[in-house]
Amino acid sequence: MGGRNYVAVNSEYPEGWAIRVLRIVADGDEVVSEVEVPHEGVGVFRAASFWTVRDGRIVRGREYWTSPGADPRPEWRAALVEPMETTHAP
């Protein structure tokens, strides 16, 4: 798909999005980011992204998106886990 398509997809989003970086972990050329993406009219999303960086440029990426509470935990697991917070302090 390439860089132009990536930029085009992201530029087509409606106005009002913000990105709050929650965590970045890097090991050599491999980088993982966890971000929160709130939008007043649409809701809050979380993304975990896996990037490969070479010579200061992203050459590969894969992202997984969800909304807090979108996938309810099974009842059998309810006593063993805590719900994910919907926001973090910057």
C-alpha atoms as a PDB file:
ATOM      1  CA  MET A   1       0.000   0.000   0.000  1.00  0.00           C
ATOM      2  CA  GLY A   2       2.796   2.420   0.789  1.00  0.00           C
ATOM      3  CA  GLY A   3       3.233   5.670   2.622  1.00  0.00           C
ATOM      4  CA  ARG A   4       0.926   7.715   0.412  1.00  0.00           C
ATOM      5  CA  ASN A   5      -2.017   5.431   1.099  1.00  0.00           C
ATOM      6  CA  TYR A   6      -1.312   5.473   4.832  1.00  0.00           C
ATOM      7  CA  VAL A   7      -1.304   9.281   4.855  1.00  0.00           C
ATOM      8  CA  ALA A   8      -4.455   9.398   2.683  1.00  0.00           C
ATOM      9  CA  VAL A   9      -6.386   7.060   4.979  1.00  0.00           C
ATOM     10  CA  ASN A  10      -5.449   9.073   8.055  1.00  0.00           C
ATOM     11  CA  SER A  11      -6.206  12.420   6.401  1.00  0.00           C
ATOM     12  CA  GLU A  12      -9.764  11.308   5.537  1.00  0.00           C
ATOM     13  CA  TYR A  13     -10.835  10.930   9.193  1.00  0.00           C
ATOM     14  CA  PRO A  14     -13.381  13.499  10.394  1.00  0.00           C
ATOM     15  CA  GLU A  15     -12.119  16.424  12.497  1.00  0.00           C
ATOM     16  CA  GLY A  16     -11.961  16.188  16.267  1.00  0.00           C
ATOM     17  CA  TRP A  17      -9.607  13.260  16.835  1.00  0.00           C
ATOM     18  CA  ALA A  18      -6.791  13.420  19.353  1.00  0.00           C
ATOM     19  CA  ILE A  19      -4.053  10.923  20.165  1.00  0.00           C
ATOM     20  CA  ARG A  20      -2.757  10.359  23.671  1.00  0.00           C
ATOM     21  CA  VAL A  21       0.395   8.242  23.795  1.00  0.00           C
ATOM     22  CA  LEU A  22       0.185   5.841  26.723  1.00  0.00           C
ATOM     23  CA  ARG A  23       3.373   3.856  26.175  1.00  0.00           C
ATOM     24  CA  ILE A  24       6.195   3.281  23.706  1.00  0.00           C
ATOM     25  CA  VAL A  25       8.591   0.331  23.910  1.00  0.00           C
ATOM     26  CA  ALA A  26      11.512  -0.056  21.520  1.00  0.00           C
ATOM     27  CA  ASP A  27      14.080  -2.763  20.908  1.00  0.00           C
ATOM     28  CA  GLY A  28      16.380  -2.103  17.968  1.00  0.00           C
ATOM     29  CA  ASP A  29      14.263  -1.577  14.840  1.00  0.00           C
ATOM     30  CA  GLU A  30      11.079  -2.846  16.501  1.00  0.00           C
ATOM     31  CA  VAL A  31       8.769  -0.365  18.251  1.00  0.00           C
ATOM     32  CA  VAL A  32       5.435  -0.938  19.987  1.00  0.00           C
ATOM     33  CA  SER A  33       3.081   1.917  20.851  1.00  0.00           C
ATOM     34  CA  GLU A  34      -0.097   1.961  22.921  1.00  0.00           C
ATOM     35  CA  VAL A  35      -2.312   4.990  22.312  1.00  0.00           C
ATOM     36  CA  GLU A  36      -5.741   6.251  23.270  1.00  0.00           C
ATOM     37  CA  VAL A  37      -7.738   8.003  20.552  1.00  0.00           C
ATOM     38  CA  PRO A  38     -10.713   9.952  21.933  1.00  0.00           C
ATOM     39  CA  HIS A  39     -13.336  11.699  19.819  1.00  0.00           C
ATOM     40  CA  GLU A  40     -16.172  13.621  21.451  1.00  0.00           C
ATOM     41  CA  GLY A  41     -18.804  12.442  18.979  1.00  0.00           C
ATOM     42  CA  VAL A  42     -17.590   8.900  18.277  1.00  0.00           C
ATOM     43  CA  GLY A  43     -16.077   7.633  21.532  1.00  0.00           C
ATOM     44  CA  VAL A  44     -12.747   6.443  22.883  1.00  0.00           C
ATOM     45  CA  PHE A  45     -10.557   3.911  21.100  1.00  0.00           C
ATOM     46  CA  ARG A  46      -7.319   2.197  22.067  1.00  0.00           C
ATOM     47  CA  ALA A  47      -4.683   0.981  19.618  1.00  0.00           C
ATOM     48  CA  ALA A  48      -1.647  -1.244  20.017  1.00  0.00           C
ATOM     49  CA  SER A  49       0.716  -0.745  17.084  1.00  0.00           C
ATOM     50  CA  PHE A  50       3.782  -2.726  16.069  1.00  0.00           C
ATOM     51  CA  TRP A  51       6.271  -0.848  13.892  1.00  0.00           C
ATOM     52  CA  THR A  52       9.514  -1.693  12.133  1.00  0.00           C
ATOM     53  CA  VAL A  53      11.757   1.359  11.716  1.00  0.00           C
ATOM     54  CA  ARG A  54      14.811   1.532   9.455  1.00  0.00           C
ATOM     55  CA  ASP A  55      16.959   4.607   8.866  1.00  0.00           C
ATOM     56  CA  GLY A  56      14.444   6.754  10.771  1.00  0.00           C
ATOM     57  CA  ARG A  57      11.460   5.672   8.645  1.00  0.00           C
ATOM     58  CA  ILE A  58       8.594   3.330   9.367  1.00  0.00           C
ATOM     59  CA  VAL A  59       8.862   0.469   6.887  1.00  0.00           C
ATOM     60  CA  ARG A  60       6.193  -1.848   8.300  1.00  0.00           C
ATOM     61  CA  GLY A  61       3.304  -1.542  10.727  1.00  0.00           C
ATOM     62  CA  ARG A  62       0.413  -3.504  12.148  1.00  0.00           C
ATOM     63  CA  GLU A  63      -2.300  -2.072  14.426  1.00  0.00           C
ATOM     64  CA  TYR A  64      -5.011  -3.557  16.612  1.00  0.00           C
ATOM     65  CA  TRP A  65      -7.915  -1.292  17.623  1.00  0.00           C
ATOM     66  CA  THR A  66     -10.621  -1.654  20.243  1.00  0.00           C
ATOM     67  CA  SER A  67     -12.917   0.434  22.413  1.00  0.00           C
ATOM     68  CA  PRO A  68     -12.792   0.060  26.197  1.00  0.00           C
ATOM     69  CA  GLY A  69     -15.743  -2.110  27.165  1.00  0.00           C
ATOM     70  CA  ALA A  70     -16.465  -3.154  23.571  1.00  0.00           C
ATOM     71  CA  ASP A  71     -15.742  -6.810  24.286  1.00  0.00           C
ATOM     72  CA  PRO A  72     -17.334  -7.678  27.612  1.00  0.00           C
ATOM     73  CA  ARG A  73     -15.363 -10.098  29.740  1.00  0.00           C
ATOM     74  CA  PRO A  74     -16.895 -13.542  30.181  1.00  0.00           C
ATOM     75  CA  GLU A  75     -18.606 -14.021  33.548  1.00  0.00           C
ATOM     76  CA  TRP A  76     -16.245 -16.850  34.503  1.00  0.00           C
ATOM     77  CA  ARG A  77     -13.350 -14.385  34.298  1.00  0.00           C
ATOM     78  CA  ALA A  78     -15.006 -11.399  36.033  1.00  0.00           C
ATOM     79  CA  ALA A  79     -13.537 -12.117  39.483  1.00  0.00           C
ATOM     80  CA  LEU A  80     -10.014 -12.559  38.038  1.00  0.00           C
ATOM     81  CA  VAL A  81      -9.555  -9.308  36.060  1.00  0.00           C
ATOM     82  CA  GLU A  82     -10.147  -5.571  36.395  1.00  0.00           C
ATOM     83  CA  PRO A  83     -11.883  -3.437  33.754  1.00  0.00           C
ATOM     84  CA  MET A  84      -9.625  -1.303  31.552  1.00  0.00           C
ATOM     85  CA  GLU A  85      -9.726   2.390  32.421  1.00  0.00           C
ATOM     86  CA  THR A  86     -11.246   4.611  29.748  1.00  0.00           C
ATOM     87  CA  THR A  87      -8.721   7.438  30.149  1.00  0.00           C
ATOM     88  CA  HIS A  88      -5.211   8.037  31.430  1.00  0.00           C
ATOM     89  CA  ALA A  89      -3.663  11.223  32.694  1.00  0.00           C
ATOM     90  CA  PRO A  90      -1.265  12.707  30.134  1.00  0.00           C
END
